[in-house]
Amino acid sequence: MTREPKLYSLFGLAISSAVPLPCPEWQPLGARADVELFESTGQQLSQSCHRICTRFEEDGFWECSMFEDGAARVCWKDHFDFVVSGDGRRVLWQRLMGVPDEVLFTYLLGQVLSFCLLVRGLEPLHATSIVVDGQAIALLGDCGYGKSTLAAGLMARGYPLLTDDVLLLQFDGQTVLAHPSLARVKLTPGSADAVFRGSRSIPMNRFTHKMIFPLTASQHVSHPVPLRALYLLPRNSSRSRVLVRRVNGRAAFLPIIKSTFNNSVVSAPRLKRQFAFASRLVKAVPIKRLCYPKRLDLLPAVVDAILADLSRESKPQ
């Protein structure tokens, strides 16, 4: 029996889906969908891609084709196939093997949905965010820099997660609001021990050791909160003690540009918008650079340094 689609809310978008999503349902009466999700067949996906391909990327597991009308086809080898329409209003998806729903939603409502955000002029960041005393802090860094591991260290102190991987920010006067995403975090088994030992987890895919850990209501904040600060994570392990220092100007601007999410979209309007977004953000919130030895046994010291830094800063009014 065909299920009737329902409306859900994520990143401020009304999302229509016949498959139940792990997001709050959209409540306003008479609301219309911003994005419609449709489970499709391989033939339907292929038929939607008969157009000129302008760009192609692949890394052995992930493939992305961009088309002349702005549409995108995103595939994860042997796992999923997605097509996003050029106007960002329609996403076709197909599950290629029997992976759990939690894995499907991680890709569909993260990387794939980011194409829909970009069409609307929204610039998500590649970041993990934790809520400390009612305000968000964002951890920025490329894949493998330890964003989720550091977030797990903060969660071990009782601070809930706001979002892992995709952070959408909204400027509201003098305040920058950080939006939540799904109530889950991706961690390697070693990084997860501090918080999730014995908890249920789901393997992401056969190309990584990372696991998906669903969160309880007390471990996740499901509403937008003000952003207090951004912390830039180091690429390499430091031999020195843990250091936190504020950065400004070019040293703050360039990491924000580098941390914008989904670099498959490189149109001139998008690049112009990235620069405007980064310029506004560095003026609105403090940007801090972290240096620390990347050892799990020293993770509590890094958490202590962040909390001490926050206590020294006066909270925004």
Protein backbone atom coordinates (compact mmCIF):
# COMPACT_ATOMS: atom_id res chain seq x y z
CA MET A 1 0.00 0.00 0.00
CA THR A 2 1.34 3.43 -0.97
CA ARG A 3 1.91 5.70 2.02
CA GLU A 4 0.80 9.31 1.91
CA PRO A 5 3.72 11.73 2.21
CA LYS A 6 4.08 13.82 5.37
CA LEU A 7 5.79 17.16 5.90
CA TYR A 8 8.90 17.35 8.07
CA SER A 9 11.10 20.25 9.20
CA LEU A 10 14.89 20.36 8.88
CA PHE A 11 17.22 23.37 8.45
CA GLY A 12 14.11 25.56 8.17
CA LEU A 13 12.84 23.64 5.12
CA ALA A 14 9.51 21.84 4.79
CA ILE A 15 10.40 18.39 3.44
CA SER A 16 7.79 16.03 2.01
CA SER A 17 8.44 12.28 2.25
CA ALA A 18 6.34 9.12 2.16
CA VAL A 19 9.14 7.38 4.10
CA PRO A 20 9.05 8.57 7.74
CA LEU A 21 11.99 10.86 8.51
CA PRO A 22 13.75 11.30 11.88
CA CYS A 23 12.84 15.01 11.96
CA PRO A 24 10.07 17.05 13.61
CA GLU A 25 6.86 17.15 11.61
CA TRP A 26 6.05 20.50 9.97
CA GLN A 27 3.16 21.99 11.93
CA PRO A 28 1.81 25.13 10.17
CA LEU A 29 -1.56 24.53 8.52
CA GLY A 30 -1.59 24.78 4.75
CA ALA A 31 2.22 24.59 4.53
CA ARG A 32 3.68 23.46 1.21
CA ALA A 33 6.82 21.43 0.71
CA ASP A 34 10.08 23.18 -0.14
CA VAL A 35 11.67 19.83 -1.05
CA GLU A 36 9.94 16.60 -2.09
CA LEU A 37 11.69 13.25 -1.58
CA PHE A 38 10.70 10.30 -3.77
CA GLU A 39 11.88 6.70 -3.60
CA SER A 40 12.57 5.75 -7.21
CA THR A 41 13.87 3.01 -9.47
CA GLY A 42 17.19 3.00 -11.29
CA GLN A 43 15.37 3.56 -14.57
CA GLN A 44 13.57 6.63 -13.23
CA LEU A 45 16.86 8.08 -11.97
CA SER A 46 18.60 7.44 -15.29
CA GLN A 47 15.77 9.03 -17.26
CA SER A 48 16.06 12.19 -15.16
CA CYS A 49 19.74 12.60 -16.19
CA HIS A 50 19.46 12.90 -20.00
CA ARG A 51 21.28 16.23 -20.19
CA ILE A 52 24.76 17.60 -20.67
CA CYS A 53 27.17 16.79 -17.83
CA THR A 54 29.39 19.78 -17.00
CA ARG A 55 31.41 18.35 -14.09
CA PHE A 56 32.20 14.94 -12.64
CA GLU A 57 33.95 13.96 -9.39
CA GLU A 58 34.71 10.61 -7.82
CA ASP A 59 36.85 9.22 -5.01
CA GLY A 60 36.29 5.48 -5.40
CA PHE A 61 33.19 5.42 -3.19
CA TRP A 62 31.47 8.72 -3.89
CA GLU A 63 30.54 10.05 -7.34
CA CYS A 64 28.90 13.34 -8.28
CA SER A 65 27.76 14.54 -11.71
CA MET A 66 26.69 18.15 -12.22
CA PHE A 67 24.46 19.01 -15.20
CA GLU A 68 23.96 22.16 -17.23
CA ASP A 69 20.61 22.96 -15.63
CA GLY A 70 22.04 22.76 -12.09
CA ALA A 71 20.77 19.23 -11.40
CA ALA A 72 23.08 16.78 -9.66
CA ARG A 73 23.39 13.02 -9.47
CA VAL A 74 25.16 11.73 -6.37
CA CYS A 75 26.03 8.06 -5.89
CA TRP A 76 27.69 6.11 -3.11
CA LYS A 77 29.04 2.87 -4.57
CA ASP A 78 26.77 -0.13 -3.92
CA HIS A 79 24.79 1.90 -1.37
CA PHE A 80 22.68 4.75 -2.76
CA ASP A 81 21.84 6.74 -5.87
CA PHE A 82 20.32 10.23 -5.67
CA VAL A 83 19.23 12.85 -8.22
CA VAL A 84 18.55 16.44 -7.15
CA SER A 85 16.59 18.65 -9.55
CA GLY A 86 18.13 21.92 -10.73
CA ASP A 87 15.68 24.00 -8.69
CA GLY A 88 16.40 21.97 -5.55
CA ARG A 89 12.73 21.11 -5.07
CA ARG A 90 12.81 17.40 -5.89
CA VAL A 91 15.11 14.57 -4.82
CA LEU A 92 14.86 11.06 -6.25
CA TRP A 93 16.57 8.33 -4.27
CA GLN A 94 17.24 4.63 -4.54
CA ARG A 95 18.70 2.26 -1.98
CA LEU A 96 21.09 -0.12 -3.77
CA MET A 97 21.52 -2.60 -0.92
CA GLY A 98 19.87 -3.40 2.38
CA VAL A 99 21.46 -0.71 4.52
CA PRO A 100 19.53 0.56 7.57
CA ASP A 101 17.37 3.68 7.42
CA GLU A 102 19.80 5.49 9.75
CA VAL A 103 22.49 5.22 7.07
CA LEU A 104 20.12 6.36 4.31
CA PHE A 105 19.09 9.43 6.31
CA THR A 106 22.72 10.31 7.10
CA TYR A 107 23.47 10.69 3.39
CA LEU A 108 20.07 11.90 2.16
CA LEU A 109 19.55 14.56 4.84
CA GLY A 110 23.19 15.68 4.86
CA GLN A 111 25.27 15.76 1.69
CA VAL A 112 22.30 15.38 -0.68
CA LEU A 113 20.06 17.94 1.02
CA SER A 114 22.94 20.45 0.95
CA PHE A 115 22.33 20.85 -2.81
CA CYS A 116 18.79 22.02 -1.99
CA LEU A 117 20.12 24.49 0.58
CA LEU A 118 22.62 25.97 -1.86
CA VAL A 119 19.93 26.56 -4.50
CA ARG A 120 18.15 28.72 -1.90
CA GLY A 121 21.26 30.80 -1.25
CA LEU A 122 22.03 29.13 2.09
CA GLU A 123 25.67 28.34 2.92
CA PRO A 124 26.06 25.33 5.25
CA LEU A 125 29.38 24.74 6.98
CA HIS A 126 31.26 21.46 7.35
CA ALA A 127 31.21 21.53 11.14
CA THR A 128 30.09 19.78 14.30
CA SER A 129 28.31 21.83 16.94
CA ILE A 130 27.77 21.37 20.68
CA VAL A 131 25.51 23.41 22.97
CA VAL A 132 27.20 24.85 26.06
CA ASP A 133 25.03 26.78 28.51
CA GLY A 134 22.33 27.41 25.91
CA GLN A 135 24.66 28.59 23.16
CA ALA A 136 26.32 26.72 20.31
CA ILE A 137 30.02 26.34 19.69
CA ALA A 138 31.10 25.05 16.28
CA LEU A 139 34.11 22.83 15.61
CA LEU A 140 35.49 23.35 12.10
CA GLY A 141 37.92 21.16 10.22
CA ASP A 142 38.25 18.89 7.22
CA CYS A 143 37.43 15.16 7.27
CA GLY A 144 39.67 13.36 9.74
CA TYR A 145 40.50 16.44 11.82
CA GLY A 146 38.59 15.08 14.84
CA LYS A 147 35.46 17.25 14.98
CA SER A 148 33.18 14.45 16.12
CA THR A 149 35.79 13.03 18.51
CA LEU A 150 36.13 16.39 20.26
CA ALA A 151 32.34 16.71 20.30
CA ALA A 152 32.17 13.31 22.02
CA GLY A 153 34.56 14.62 24.66
CA LEU A 154 32.21 17.53 25.33
CA MET A 155 29.21 15.21 25.34
CA ALA A 156 30.95 13.12 27.99
CA ARG A 157 30.71 16.24 30.23
CA GLY A 158 26.96 16.39 29.65
CA TYR A 159 26.83 18.96 26.83
CA PRO A 160 24.37 17.98 24.07
CA LEU A 161 25.03 17.85 20.34
CA LEU A 162 23.34 20.27 17.96
CA THR A 163 24.60 18.96 14.62
CA ASP A 164 27.28 16.69 13.22
CA ASP A 165 28.81 17.40 9.79
CA VAL A 166 26.32 19.97 8.38
CA LEU A 167 25.87 23.27 10.23
CA LEU A 168 23.40 25.81 8.86
CA LEU A 169 23.68 29.34 10.23
CA GLN A 170 21.10 32.12 10.00
CA PHE A 171 21.84 35.80 10.61
CA ASP A 172 19.16 37.40 12.79
CA GLY A 173 20.10 40.99 13.53
CA GLN A 174 23.17 40.88 15.80
CA THR A 175 22.66 37.18 16.51
CA VAL A 176 23.80 34.18 14.48
CA LEU A 177 21.44 31.23 14.93
CA ALA A 178 22.72 27.67 14.55
CA HIS A 179 20.22 25.11 13.29
CA PRO A 180 20.08 21.49 14.52
CA SER A 181 20.30 18.45 12.30
CA LEU A 182 19.65 14.76 12.94
CA ALA A 183 19.97 13.29 16.42
CA ARG A 184 23.02 11.18 15.66
CA VAL A 185 26.79 11.42 15.63
CA LYS A 186 29.39 9.57 13.53
CA LEU A 187 32.41 8.21 15.39
CA THR A 188 35.08 5.56 15.18
CA PRO A 189 34.72 2.89 17.90
CA GLY A 190 37.76 4.20 19.77
CA SER A 191 36.47 7.77 19.87
CA ALA A 192 33.02 6.61 20.96
CA ASP A 193 34.11 4.80 24.12
CA ALA A 194 33.99 7.91 26.32
CA VAL A 195 30.27 8.43 25.73
CA PHE A 196 28.75 5.50 23.89
CA ARG A 197 30.35 2.35 25.30
CA GLY A 198 27.74 -0.40 24.95
CA SER A 199 25.34 1.81 22.98
CA ARG A 200 23.64 0.71 19.78
CA SER A 201 25.56 1.70 16.66
CA ILE A 202 25.20 1.22 12.91
CA PRO A 203 28.13 0.85 10.46
CA MET A 204 28.17 3.71 7.93
CA ASN A 205 29.61 1.77 5.01
CA ARG A 206 32.29 -0.81 4.22
CA PHE A 207 34.81 1.91 3.28
CA THR A 208 35.13 3.37 6.78
CA HIS A 209 35.35 2.28 10.41
CA LYS A 210 32.97 5.04 11.46
CA MET A 211 29.71 4.10 13.14
CA ILE A 212 26.44 6.01 13.48
CA PHE A 213 25.31 6.47 17.08
CA PRO A 214 21.66 7.54 17.53
CA LEU A 215 21.22 10.07 20.34
CA THR A 216 18.68 10.33 23.13
CA ALA A 217 16.61 13.45 23.75
CA SER A 218 19.02 14.54 26.50
CA GLN A 219 22.01 14.20 24.16
CA HIS A 220 20.62 16.36 21.36
CA VAL A 221 19.19 19.88 21.04
CA SER A 222 16.40 20.01 18.44
CA HIS A 223 15.84 23.78 18.12
CA PRO A 224 18.00 26.66 16.83
CA VAL A 225 20.30 28.32 19.37
CA PRO A 226 22.62 31.36 19.19
CA LEU A 227 26.16 30.67 17.99
CA ARG A 228 28.76 31.81 20.51
CA ALA A 229 32.11 30.91 18.91
CA LEU A 230 33.83 28.85 16.22
CA TYR A 231 36.90 26.75 16.96
CA LEU A 232 39.28 25.81 14.12
CA LEU A 233 40.75 22.35 14.63
CA PRO A 234 44.39 21.66 13.72
CA ARG A 235 45.31 19.49 10.79
CA ASN A 236 48.31 17.98 12.55
CA SER A 237 48.96 16.94 16.10
CA SER A 238 50.83 19.52 18.17
CA ARG A 239 53.81 18.61 20.33
CA SER A 240 53.10 21.48 22.68
CA ARG A 241 50.47 21.90 25.34
CA VAL A 242 46.88 22.72 24.46
CA LEU A 243 46.54 26.27 23.15
CA VAL A 244 43.54 28.42 22.24
CA ARG A 245 44.03 31.75 20.50
CA ARG A 246 41.74 34.15 18.72
CA VAL A 247 42.32 34.79 15.03
CA ASN A 248 41.14 37.68 12.88
CA GLY A 249 41.28 38.89 9.31
CA ARG A 250 42.72 36.51 6.74
CA ALA A 251 43.49 33.86 9.38
CA ALA A 252 39.78 33.70 10.25
CA PHE A 253 38.31 34.32 6.80
CA LEU A 254 40.11 31.62 4.81
CA PRO A 255 39.21 28.68 7.12
CA ILE A 256 35.53 29.70 6.90
CA ILE A 257 35.71 29.64 3.09
CA LYS A 258 37.45 26.27 3.21
CA SER A 259 34.81 24.90 5.59
CA THR A 260 31.77 25.72 3.47
CA PHE A 261 29.92 22.48 2.79
CA ASN A 262 29.65 20.77 -0.62
CA ASN A 263 32.42 21.92 -2.91
CA SER A 264 30.83 20.23 -5.91
CA VAL A 265 28.89 23.44 -6.60
CA VAL A 266 31.39 26.02 -7.88
CA SER A 267 29.26 28.48 -9.84
CA ALA A 268 30.22 32.16 -9.86
CA PRO A 269 27.12 33.22 -7.85
CA ARG A 270 27.92 30.60 -5.22
CA LEU A 271 31.55 31.71 -4.91
CA LYS A 272 30.46 35.34 -4.51
CA ARG A 273 27.97 34.28 -1.84
CA GLN A 274 30.66 32.30 0.02
CA PHE A 275 32.84 35.38 0.30
CA ALA A 276 29.95 37.51 1.54
CA PHE A 277 28.93 34.84 4.05
CA ALA A 278 32.47 34.40 5.43
CA SER A 279 33.01 38.18 5.66
CA ARG A 280 29.83 38.60 7.67
CA LEU A 281 30.47 35.61 9.92
CA VAL A 282 33.99 36.61 11.02
CA LYS A 283 32.59 39.99 12.11
CA ALA A 284 29.71 38.43 14.03
CA VAL A 285 31.31 35.74 16.22
CA PRO A 286 34.76 35.05 17.72
CA ILE A 287 36.94 32.65 15.71
CA LYS A 288 39.47 30.64 17.74
CA ARG A 289 42.29 28.35 16.64
CA LEU A 290 43.02 25.21 18.65
CA CYS A 291 46.41 23.51 18.91
CA TYR A 292 46.74 20.26 20.84
CA PRO A 293 48.34 16.80 20.81
CA LYS A 294 45.87 14.46 19.09
CA ARG A 295 45.73 11.70 21.66
CA LEU A 296 42.52 10.31 23.09
CA ASP A 297 43.97 10.29 26.62
CA LEU A 298 44.53 14.07 26.32
CA LEU A 299 41.01 14.78 25.04
CA PRO A 300 39.76 15.87 28.51
CA ALA A 301 42.50 18.53 28.59
CA VAL A 302 41.30 19.92 25.23
CA VAL A 303 37.73 20.02 26.55
CA ASP A 304 38.96 21.83 29.68
CA ALA A 305 40.74 24.41 27.51
CA ILE A 306 37.60 25.11 25.46
CA LEU A 307 35.42 25.46 28.55
CA ALA A 308 38.00 27.72 30.22
CA ASP A 309 38.15 29.87 27.08
CA LEU A 310 34.38 30.20 27.04
CA SER A 311 34.33 31.20 30.69
CA ARG A 312 36.80 34.02 29.96
CA GLU A 313 34.64 35.41 27.17
CA SER A 314 31.68 37.54 28.14
CA LYS A 315 28.47 36.14 26.72
CA PRO A 316 26.82 38.09 23.87
CA GLN A 317 23.93 40.25 24.99
